[in-house]
Amino acid sequence: MQQAIIDFIEDRIKAIASTLRKTNGEYAQAVKIRKELHEKIDPIITSEKQLTLDKCDFADFQEFLQQEYIIAAIEQSAFYKQGYLDCVDLLKRLGVL
């Protein structure tokens, strides 16, 4: 039962993210930029050496975190809305509403 709930939630999250990429230009752009920046900063993150950043790397990290913030803010709103709709649907199915 617990795994079914986890699977349901994971599927919902994937579906919401997919829908946002198709319907929300700001979200789609932020995801695109984040992916490009992640490719640039990944070698720095995975390095086992002492981390030192030049100005360009620092700017990439700042921009990456900015895009993460935008994505999270948009997702949070969409997750809340979908959770509300799912809750109402479930309560209707149970005959509570």
PDB file of N, CA and C in Angstrom:
ATOM      1  N   MET A   1       0.827  -1.197   0.000  1.00  0.00           N
ATOM      2  CA  MET A   1       0.000   0.000   0.000  1.00  0.00           C
ATOM      3  C   MET A   1       0.869   1.258   0.000  1.00  0.00           C
ATOM      4  N   GLN A   2       1.899   1.257   0.855  1.00  0.00           N
ATOM      5  CA  GLN A   2       2.768   2.423   0.942  1.00  0.00           C
ATOM      6  C   GLN A   2       3.475   2.677  -0.391  1.00  0.00           C
ATOM      7  N   GLN A   3       3.928   1.616  -1.053  1.00  0.00           N
ATOM      8  CA  GLN A   3       4.608   1.773  -2.334  1.00  0.00           C
ATOM      9  C   GLN A   3       3.650   2.323  -3.389  1.00  0.00           C
ATOM     10  N   ALA A   4       2.398   1.917  -3.331  1.00  0.00           N
ATOM     11  CA  ALA A   4       1.406   2.421  -4.280  1.00  0.00           C
ATOM     12  C   ALA A   4       1.220   3.928  -4.113  1.00  0.00           C
ATOM     13  N   ILE A   5       1.229   4.391  -2.886  1.00  0.00           N
ATOM     14  CA  ILE A   5       1.093   5.829  -2.626  1.00  0.00           C
ATOM     15  C   ILE A   5       2.325   6.573  -3.137  1.00  0.00           C
ATOM     16  N   ILE A   6       3.497   6.015  -2.874  1.00  0.00           N
ATOM     17  CA  ILE A   6       4.739   6.632  -3.353  1.00  0.00           C
ATOM     18  C   ILE A   6       4.738   6.708  -4.875  1.00  0.00           C
ATOM     19  N   ASP A   7       4.340   5.612  -5.520  1.00  0.00           N
ATOM     20  CA  ASP A   7       4.276   5.582  -6.985  1.00  0.00           C
ATOM     21  C   ASP A   7       3.286   6.615  -7.515  1.00  0.00           C
ATOM     22  N   PHE A   8       2.136   6.727  -6.855  1.00  0.00           N
ATOM     23  CA  PHE A   8       1.123   7.696  -7.267  1.00  0.00           C
ATOM     24  C   PHE A   8       1.681   9.121  -7.191  1.00  0.00           C
ATOM     25  N   ILE A   9       2.329   9.441  -6.092  1.00  0.00           N
ATOM     26  CA  ILE A   9       2.875  10.788  -5.908  1.00  0.00           C
ATOM     27  C   ILE A   9       3.978  11.067  -6.927  1.00  0.00           C
ATOM     28  N   GLU A  10       4.866  10.100  -7.142  1.00  0.00           N
ATOM     29  CA  GLU A  10       5.934  10.291  -8.125  1.00  0.00           C
ATOM     30  C   GLU A  10       5.373  10.498  -9.526  1.00  0.00           C
ATOM     31  N   ASP A  11       4.337   9.729  -9.878  1.00  0.00           N
ATOM     32  CA  ASP A  11       3.702   9.901 -11.182  1.00  0.00           C
ATOM     33  C   ASP A  11       3.065  11.280 -11.307  1.00  0.00           C
ATOM     34  N   ARG A  12       2.432  11.743 -10.232  1.00  0.00           N
ATOM     35  CA  ARG A  12       1.803  13.067 -10.237  1.00  0.00           C
ATOM     36  C   ARG A  12       2.861  14.151 -10.444  1.00  0.00           C
ATOM     37  N   ILE A  13       3.982  14.044  -9.738  1.00  0.00           N
ATOM     38  CA  ILE A  13       5.052  15.034  -9.853  1.00  0.00           C
ATOM     39  C   ILE A  13       5.594  15.071 -11.282  1.00  0.00           C
ATOM     40  N   LYS A  14       5.826  13.898 -11.864  1.00  0.00           N
ATOM     41  CA  LYS A  14       6.322  13.830 -13.248  1.00  0.00           C
ATOM     42  C   LYS A  14       5.313  14.436 -14.217  1.00  0.00           C
ATOM     43  N   ALA A  15       4.039  14.139 -14.014  1.00  0.00           N
ATOM     44  CA  ALA A  15       2.995  14.656 -14.905  1.00  0.00           C
ATOM     45  C   ALA A  15       2.890  16.179 -14.798  1.00  0.00           C
ATOM     46  N   ILE A  16       2.968  16.693 -13.586  1.00  0.00           N
ATOM     47  CA  ILE A  16       2.883  18.139 -13.388  1.00  0.00           C
ATOM     48  C   ILE A  16       4.071  18.831 -14.049  1.00  0.00           C
ATOM     49  N   ALA A  17       5.268  18.288 -13.844  1.00  0.00           N
ATOM     50  CA  ALA A  17       6.469  18.882 -14.451  1.00  0.00           C
ATOM     51  C   ALA A  17       6.374  18.842 -15.971  1.00  0.00           C
ATOM     52  N   SER A  18       5.882  17.741 -16.516  1.00  0.00           N
ATOM     53  CA  SER A  18       5.730  17.617 -17.964  1.00  0.00           C
ATOM     54  C   SER A  18       4.731  18.643 -18.495  1.00  0.00           C
ATOM     55  N   THR A  19       3.622  18.787 -17.819  1.00  0.00           N
ATOM     56  CA  THR A  19       2.606  19.761 -18.221  1.00  0.00           C
ATOM     57  C   THR A  19       3.151  21.183 -18.140  1.00  0.00           C
ATOM     58  N   LEU A  20       3.889  21.476 -17.069  1.00  0.00           N
ATOM     59  CA  LEU A  20       4.462  22.816 -16.929  1.00  0.00           C
ATOM     60  C   LEU A  20       5.448  23.120 -18.056  1.00  0.00           C
ATOM     61  N   ARG A  21       6.248  22.134 -18.455  1.00  0.00           N
ATOM     62  CA  ARG A  21       7.200  22.360 -19.546  1.00  0.00           C
ATOM     63  C   ARG A  21       6.472  22.693 -20.846  1.00  0.00           C
ATOM     64  N   LYS A  22       5.261  22.143 -21.029  1.00  0.00           N
ATOM     65  CA  LYS A  22       4.496  22.376 -22.251  1.00  0.00           C
ATOM     66  C   LYS A  22       3.664  23.656 -22.199  1.00  0.00           C
ATOM     67  N   THR A  23       3.239  24.065 -21.008  1.00  0.00           N
ATOM     68  CA  THR A  23       2.264  25.153 -20.908  1.00  0.00           C
ATOM     69  C   THR A  23       2.789  26.429 -20.259  1.00  0.00           C
ATOM     70  N   ASN A  24       3.948  26.365 -19.619  1.00  0.00           N
ATOM     71  CA  ASN A  24       4.464  27.534 -18.912  1.00  0.00           C
ATOM     72  C   ASN A  24       5.838  27.883 -19.475  1.00  0.00           C
ATOM     73  N   GLY A  25       5.877  28.948 -20.270  1.00  0.00           N
ATOM     74  CA  GLY A  25       7.120  29.335 -20.930  1.00  0.00           C
ATOM     75  C   GLY A  25       8.246  29.669 -19.964  1.00  0.00           C
ATOM     76  N   GLU A  26       7.917  30.355 -18.881  1.00  0.00           N
ATOM     77  CA  GLU A  26       8.944  30.711 -17.890  1.00  0.00           C
ATOM     78  C   GLU A  26       9.554  29.453 -17.272  1.00  0.00           C
ATOM     79  N   TYR A  27       8.698  28.490 -16.971  1.00  0.00           N
ATOM     80  CA  TYR A  27       9.170  27.228 -16.395  1.00  0.00           C
ATOM     81  C   TYR A  27      10.052  26.480 -17.395  1.00  0.00           C
ATOM     82  N   ALA A  28       9.572  26.366 -18.623  1.00  0.00           N
ATOM     83  CA  ALA A  28      10.338  25.641 -19.650  1.00  0.00           C
ATOM     84  C   ALA A  28      11.701  26.293 -19.878  1.00  0.00           C
ATOM     85  N   GLN A  29      11.738  27.616 -19.911  1.00  0.00           N
ATOM     86  CA  GLN A  29      13.002  28.325 -20.097  1.00  0.00           C
ATOM     87  C   GLN A  29      13.944  28.105 -18.917  1.00  0.00           C
ATOM     88  N   ALA A  30      13.400  28.156 -17.701  1.00  0.00           N
ATOM     89  CA  ALA A  30      14.225  27.940 -16.509  1.00  0.00           C
ATOM     90  C   ALA A  30      14.799  26.527 -16.490  1.00  0.00           C
ATOM     91  N   VAL A  31      14.002  25.544 -16.888  1.00  0.00           N
ATOM     92  CA  VAL A  31      14.479  24.156 -16.941  1.00  0.00           C
ATOM     93  C   VAL A  31      15.598  24.031 -17.973  1.00  0.00           C
ATOM     94  N   LYS A  32      15.415  24.674 -19.111  1.00  0.00           N
ATOM     95  CA  LYS A  32      16.432  24.622 -20.172  1.00  0.00           C
ATOM     96  C   LYS A  32      17.743  25.255 -19.704  1.00  0.00           C
ATOM     97  N   ILE A  33      17.642  26.428 -19.120  1.00  0.00           N
ATOM     98  CA  ILE A  33      18.839  27.126 -18.644  1.00  0.00           C
ATOM     99  C   ILE A  33      19.515  26.334 -17.532  1.00  0.00           C
ATOM    100  N   ARG A  34      18.723  25.796 -16.605  1.00  0.00           N
ATOM    101  CA  ARG A  34      19.288  25.004 -15.506  1.00  0.00           C
ATOM    102  C   ARG A  34      20.058  23.807 -16.051  1.00  0.00           C
ATOM    103  N   LYS A  35      19.498  23.136 -17.061  1.00  0.00           N
ATOM    104  CA  LYS A  35      20.172  21.973 -17.637  1.00  0.00           C
ATOM    105  C   LYS A  35      21.513  22.371 -18.253  1.00  0.00           C
ATOM    106  N   GLU A  36      21.518  23.475 -19.004  1.00  0.00           N
ATOM    107  CA  GLU A  36      22.753  23.951 -19.630  1.00  0.00           C
ATOM    108  C   GLU A  36      23.800  24.323 -18.571  1.00  0.00           C
ATOM    109  N   LEU A  37      23.356  25.010 -17.524  1.00  0.00           N
ATOM    110  CA  LEU A  37      24.280  25.403 -16.460  1.00  0.00           C
ATOM    111  C   LEU A  37      24.783  24.191 -15.684  1.00  0.00           C
ATOM    112  N   HIS A  38      23.903  23.208 -15.477  1.00  0.00           N
ATOM    113  CA  HIS A  38      24.318  22.006 -14.753  1.00  0.00           C
ATOM    114  C   HIS A  38      25.445  21.297 -15.497  1.00  0.00           C
ATOM    115  N   GLU A  39      25.348  21.263 -16.819  1.00  0.00           N
ATOM    116  CA  GLU A  39      26.413  20.642 -17.617  1.00  0.00           C
ATOM    117  C   GLU A  39      27.734  21.391 -17.439  1.00  0.00           C
ATOM    118  N   LYS A  40      27.661  22.717 -17.249  1.00  0.00           N
ATOM    119  CA  LYS A  40      28.874  23.513 -17.062  1.00  0.00           C
ATOM    120  C   LYS A  40      29.475  23.337 -15.668  1.00  0.00           C
ATOM    121  N   ILE A  41      28.615  23.240 -14.649  1.00  0.00           N
ATOM    122  CA  ILE A  41      29.125  23.194 -13.279  1.00  0.00           C
ATOM    123  C   ILE A  41      29.295  21.783 -12.734  1.00  0.00           C
ATOM    124  N   ASP A  42      28.752  20.792 -13.415  1.00  0.00           N
ATOM    125  CA  ASP A  42      28.859  19.409 -12.928  1.00  0.00           C
ATOM    126  C   ASP A  42      30.306  18.962 -12.708  1.00  0.00           C
ATOM    127  N   PRO A  43      31.234  19.259 -13.623  1.00  0.00           N
ATOM    128  CA  PRO A  43      32.623  18.845 -13.367  1.00  0.00           C
ATOM    129  C   PRO A  43      33.203  19.463 -12.088  1.00  0.00           C
ATOM    130  N   ILE A  44      32.763  20.667 -11.773  1.00  0.00           N
ATOM    131  CA  ILE A  44      33.241  21.323 -10.553  1.00  0.00           C
ATOM    132  C   ILE A  44      32.646  20.624  -9.326  1.00  0.00           C
ATOM    133  N   ILE A  45      31.355  20.312  -9.393  1.00  0.00           N
ATOM    134  CA  ILE A  45      30.665  19.682  -8.267  1.00  0.00           C
ATOM    135  C   ILE A  45      31.231  18.294  -7.985  1.00  0.00           C
ATOM    136  N   THR A  46      31.505  17.535  -9.035  1.00  0.00           N
ATOM    137  CA  THR A  46      31.950  16.155  -8.859  1.00  0.00           C
ATOM    138  C   THR A  46      33.444  16.032  -8.610  1.00  0.00           C
ATOM    139  N   SER A  47      34.177  17.126  -8.701  1.00  0.00           N
ATOM    140  CA  SER A  47      35.617  17.089  -8.454  1.00  0.00           C
ATOM    141  C   SER A  47      35.881  16.791  -6.992  1.00  0.00           C
ATOM    142  N   GLU A  48      36.837  15.923  -6.748  1.00  0.00           N
ATOM    143  CA  GLU A  48      37.194  15.579  -5.375  1.00  0.00           C
ATOM    144  C   GLU A  48      38.322  16.461  -4.859  1.00  0.00           C
ATOM    145  N   LYS A  49      38.786  17.366  -5.689  1.00  0.00           N
ATOM    146  CA  LYS A  49      39.827  18.294  -5.284  1.00  0.00           C
ATOM    147  C   LYS A  49      39.201  19.445  -4.507  1.00  0.00           C
ATOM    148  N   GLN A  50      40.053  20.244  -3.896  1.00  0.00           N
ATOM    149  CA  GLN A  50      39.566  21.417  -3.191  1.00  0.00           C
ATOM    150  C   GLN A  50      38.870  22.339  -4.185  1.00  0.00           C
ATOM    151  N   LEU A  51      37.739  22.835  -3.791  1.00  0.00           N
ATOM    152  CA  LEU A  51      36.915  23.644  -4.683  1.00  0.00           C
ATOM    153  C   LEU A  51      37.373  25.098  -4.691  1.00  0.00           C
ATOM    154  N   THR A  52      37.704  25.577  -5.869  1.00  0.00           N
ATOM    155  CA  THR A  52      37.993  26.994  -6.060  1.00  0.00           C
ATOM    156  C   THR A  52      37.222  27.453  -7.294  1.00  0.00           C
ATOM    157  N   LEU A  53      36.593  28.588  -7.162  1.00  0.00           N
ATOM    158  CA  LEU A  53      35.766  29.103  -8.255  1.00  0.00           C
ATOM    159  C   LEU A  53      36.336  30.406  -8.778  1.00  0.00           C
ATOM    160  N   ASP A  54      36.365  30.526 -10.094  1.00  0.00           N
ATOM    161  CA  ASP A  54      36.689  31.832 -10.658  1.00  0.00           C
ATOM    162  C   ASP A  54      35.377  32.600 -10.813  1.00  0.00           C
ATOM    163  N   LYS A  55      35.453  33.833 -11.257  1.00  0.00           N
ATOM    164  CA  LYS A  55      34.257  34.683 -11.355  1.00  0.00           C
ATOM    165  C   LYS A  55      33.208  34.089 -12.288  1.00  0.00           C
ATOM    166  N   CYS A  56      33.661  33.476 -13.360  1.00  0.00           N
ATOM    167  CA  CYS A  56      32.735  32.881 -14.333  1.00  0.00           C
ATOM    168  C   CYS A  56      31.992  31.694 -13.707  1.00  0.00           C
ATOM    169  N   ASP A  57      32.736  30.836 -13.000  1.00  0.00           N
ATOM    170  CA  ASP A  57      32.109  29.694 -12.326  1.00  0.00           C
ATOM    171  C   ASP A  57      31.119  30.171 -11.265  1.00  0.00           C
ATOM    172  N   PHE A  58      31.503  31.182 -10.526  1.00  0.00           N
ATOM    173  CA  PHE A  58      30.637  31.722  -9.489  1.00  0.00           C
ATOM    174  C   PHE A  58      29.344  32.257 -10.100  1.00  0.00           C
ATOM    175  N   ALA A  59      29.466  32.941 -11.207  1.00  0.00           N
ATOM    176  CA  ALA A  59      28.284  33.472 -11.889  1.00  0.00           C
ATOM    177  C   ALA A  59      27.387  32.337 -12.377  1.00  0.00           C
ATOM    178  N   ASP A  60      28.000  31.257 -12.877  1.00  0.00           N
ATOM    179  CA  ASP A  60      27.217  30.098 -13.310  1.00  0.00           C
ATOM    180  C   ASP A  60      26.465  29.479 -12.139  1.00  0.00           C
ATOM    181  N   PHE A  61      27.129  29.357 -10.995  1.00  0.00           N
ATOM    182  CA  PHE A  61      26.468  28.809  -9.813  1.00  0.00           C
ATOM    183  C   PHE A  61      25.314  29.705  -9.372  1.00  0.00           C
ATOM    184  N   GLN A  62      25.535  31.002  -9.375  1.00  0.00           N
ATOM    185  CA  GLN A  62      24.464  31.933  -9.000  1.00  0.00           C
ATOM    186  C   GLN A  62      23.266  31.794  -9.939  1.00  0.00           C
ATOM    187  N   GLU A  63      23.544  31.747 -11.224  1.00  0.00           N
ATOM    188  CA  GLU A  63      22.464  31.631 -12.209  1.00  0.00           C
ATOM    189  C   GLU A  63      21.748  30.287 -12.070  1.00  0.00           C
ATOM    190  N   PHE A  64      22.498  29.224 -11.816  1.00  0.00           N
ATOM    191  CA  PHE A  64      21.913  27.906 -11.615  1.00  0.00           C
ATOM    192  C   PHE A  64      20.948  27.934 -10.433  1.00  0.00           C
ATOM    193  N   LEU A  65      21.382  28.523  -9.328  1.00  0.00           N
ATOM    194  CA  LEU A  65      20.522  28.594  -8.143  1.00  0.00           C
ATOM    195  C   LEU A  65      19.305  29.491  -8.385  1.00  0.00           C
ATOM    196  N   GLN A  66      19.473  30.528  -9.167  1.00  0.00           N
ATOM    197  CA  GLN A  66      18.340  31.395  -9.527  1.00  0.00           C
ATOM    198  C   GLN A  66      17.296  30.592 -10.307  1.00  0.00           C
ATOM    199  N   GLN A  67      17.751  29.793 -11.258  1.00  0.00           N
ATOM    200  CA  GLN A  67      16.825  28.977 -12.046  1.00  0.00           C
ATOM    201  C   GLN A  67      16.158  27.914 -11.170  1.00  0.00           C
ATOM    202  N   GLU A  68      16.912  27.337 -10.247  1.00  0.00           N
ATOM    203  CA  GLU A  68      16.330  26.375  -9.303  1.00  0.00           C
ATOM    204  C   GLU A  68      15.200  27.025  -8.508  1.00  0.00           C
ATOM    205  N   TYR A  69      15.409  28.261  -8.083  1.00  0.00           N
ATOM    206  CA  TYR A  69      14.405  28.989  -7.316  1.00  0.00           C
ATOM    207  C   TYR A  69      13.142  29.215  -8.149  1.00  0.00           C
ATOM    208  N   ILE A  70      13.314  29.646  -9.376  1.00  0.00           N
ATOM    209  CA  ILE A  70      12.167  29.885 -10.260  1.00  0.00           C
ATOM    210  C   ILE A  70      11.385  28.598 -10.474  1.00  0.00           C
ATOM    211  N   ILE A  71      12.099  27.516 -10.759  1.00  0.00           N
ATOM    212  CA  ILE A  71      11.460  26.216 -10.990  1.00  0.00           C
ATOM    213  C   ILE A  71      10.689  25.777  -9.746  1.00  0.00           C
ATOM    214  N   ALA A  72      11.328  25.872  -8.587  1.00  0.00           N
ATOM    215  CA  ALA A  72      10.678  25.442  -7.343  1.00  0.00           C
ATOM    216  C   ALA A  72       9.428  26.262  -7.044  1.00  0.00           C
ATOM    217  N   ALA A  73       9.491  27.564  -7.290  1.00  0.00           N
ATOM    218  CA  ALA A  73       8.332  28.421  -7.019  1.00  0.00           C
ATOM    219  C   ALA A  73       7.155  28.055  -7.914  1.00  0.00           C
ATOM    220  N   ILE A  74       7.423  27.830  -9.176  1.00  0.00           N
ATOM    221  CA  ILE A  74       6.350  27.460 -10.108  1.00  0.00           C
ATOM    222  C   ILE A  74       5.805  26.080  -9.773  1.00  0.00           C
ATOM    223  N   GLU A  75       6.702  25.133  -9.486  1.00  0.00           N
ATOM    224  CA  GLU A  75       6.258  23.777  -9.145  1.00  0.00           C
ATOM    225  C   GLU A  75       5.427  23.770  -7.864  1.00  0.00           C
ATOM    226  N   GLN A  76       5.833  24.535  -6.876  1.00  0.00           N
ATOM    227  CA  GLN A  76       5.120  24.539  -5.612  1.00  0.00           C
ATOM    228  C   GLN A  76       3.656  24.928  -5.817  1.00  0.00           C
ATOM    229  N   SER A  77       3.426  25.944  -6.601  1.00  0.00           N
ATOM    230  CA  SER A  77       2.060  26.371  -6.879  1.00  0.00           C
ATOM    231  C   SER A  77       1.267  25.283  -7.603  1.00  0.00           C
ATOM    232  N   ALA A  78       1.905  24.661  -8.609  1.00  0.00           N
ATOM    233  CA  ALA A  78       1.230  23.613  -9.380  1.00  0.00           C
ATOM    234  C   ALA A  78       0.963  22.379  -8.519  1.00  0.00           C
ATOM    235  N   PHE A  79       1.914  22.011  -7.663  1.00  0.00           N
ATOM    236  CA  PHE A  79       1.734  20.843  -6.781  1.00  0.00           C
ATOM    237  C   PHE A  79       0.590  21.083  -5.803  1.00  0.00           C
ATOM    238  N   TYR A  80       0.530  22.298  -5.260  1.00  0.00           N
ATOM    239  CA  TYR A  80      -0.532  22.630  -4.318  1.00  0.00           C
ATOM    240  C   TYR A  80      -1.895  22.529  -4.993  1.00  0.00           C
ATOM    241  N   LYS A  81      -2.002  23.105  -6.175  1.00  0.00           N
ATOM    242  CA  LYS A  81      -3.272  23.086  -6.904  1.00  0.00           C
ATOM    243  C   LYS A  81      -3.685  21.651  -7.224  1.00  0.00           C
ATOM    244  N   GLN A  82      -2.752  20.841  -7.730  1.00  0.00           N
ATOM    245  CA  GLN A  82      -3.090  19.463  -8.079  1.00  0.00           C
ATOM    246  C   GLN A  82      -3.445  18.654  -6.828  1.00  0.00           C
ATOM    247  N   GLY A  83      -2.746  18.891  -5.733  1.00  0.00           N
ATOM    248  CA  GLY A  83      -3.062  18.208  -4.474  1.00  0.00           C
ATOM    249  C   GLY A  83      -4.470  18.541  -4.004  1.00  0.00           C
ATOM    250  N   TYR A  84      -4.841  19.792  -4.133  1.00  0.00           N
ATOM    251  CA  TYR A  84      -6.187  20.223  -3.771  1.00  0.00           C
ATOM    252  C   TYR A  84      -7.224  19.508  -4.637  1.00  0.00           C
ATOM    253  N   LEU A  85      -6.991  19.481  -5.950  1.00  0.00           N
ATOM    254  CA  LEU A  85      -7.930  18.826  -6.858  1.00  0.00           C
ATOM    255  C   LEU A  85      -8.027  17.326  -6.576  1.00  0.00           C
ATOM    256  N   ASP A  86      -6.889  16.689  -6.316  1.00  0.00           N
ATOM    257  CA  ASP A  86      -6.892  15.255  -5.999  1.00  0.00           C
ATOM    258  C   ASP A  86      -7.630  14.981  -4.696  1.00  0.00           C
ATOM    259  N   CYS A  87      -7.456  15.849  -3.723  1.00  0.00           N
ATOM    260  CA  CYS A  87      -8.131  15.678  -2.434  1.00  0.00           C
ATOM    261  C   CYS A  87      -9.646  15.784  -2.599  1.00  0.00           C
ATOM    262  N   VAL A  88     -10.095  16.777  -3.332  1.00  0.00           N
ATOM    263  CA  VAL A  88     -11.538  16.945  -3.562  1.00  0.00           C
ATOM    264  C   VAL A  88     -12.090  15.736  -4.310  1.00  0.00           C
ATOM    265  N   ASP A  89     -11.367  15.271  -5.323  1.00  0.00           N
ATOM    266  CA  ASP A  89     -11.799  14.090  -6.075  1.00  0.00           C
ATOM    267  C   ASP A  89     -11.910  12.866  -5.170  1.00  0.00           C
ATOM    268  N   LEU A  90     -10.924  12.674  -4.318  1.00  0.00           N
ATOM    269  CA  LEU A  90     -10.941  11.523  -3.410  1.00  0.00           C
ATOM    270  C   LEU A  90     -12.101  11.618  -2.425  1.00  0.00           C
ATOM    271  N   LEU A  91     -12.342  12.799  -1.888  1.00  0.00           N
ATOM    272  CA  LEU A  91     -13.449  12.962  -0.949  1.00  0.00           C
ATOM    273  C   LEU A  91     -14.802  12.725  -1.626  1.00  0.00           C
ATOM    274  N   LYS A  92     -14.916  13.106  -2.890  1.00  0.00           N
ATOM    275  CA  LYS A  92     -16.145  12.825  -3.649  1.00  0.00           C
ATOM    276  C   LYS A  92     -16.314  11.321  -3.840  1.00  0.00           C
ATOM    277  N   ARG A  93     -15.236  10.646  -4.190  1.00  0.00           N
ATOM    278  CA  ARG A  93     -15.294   9.189  -4.411  1.00  0.00           C
ATOM    279  C   ARG A  93     -15.656   8.446  -3.130  1.00  0.00           C
ATOM    280  N   LEU A  94     -15.216   8.977  -1.998  1.00  0.00           N
ATOM    281  CA  LEU A  94     -15.522   8.347  -0.708  1.00  0.00           C
ATOM    282  C   LEU A  94     -16.918   8.711  -0.219  1.00  0.00           C
ATOM    283  N   GLY A  95     -17.572   9.618  -0.921  1.00  0.00           N
ATOM    284  CA  GLY A  95     -18.915  10.023  -0.549  1.00  0.00           C
ATOM    285  C   GLY A  95     -18.971  11.042   0.571  1.00  0.00           C
ATOM    286  N   VAL A  96     -17.857  11.643   0.891  1.00  0.00           N
ATOM    287  CA  VAL A  96     -17.805  12.652   1.935  1.00  0.00           C
ATOM    288  C   VAL A  96     -18.345  13.987   1.409  1.00  0.00           C
ATOM    289  N   LEU A  97     -18.074  14.257   0.152  1.00  0.00           N
ATOM    290  CA  LEU A  97     -18.590  15.498  -0.466  1.00  0.00           C
ATOM    291  C   LEU A  97     -19.687  15.156  -1.446  1.00  0.00           C
TER     292      LEU A  97
END
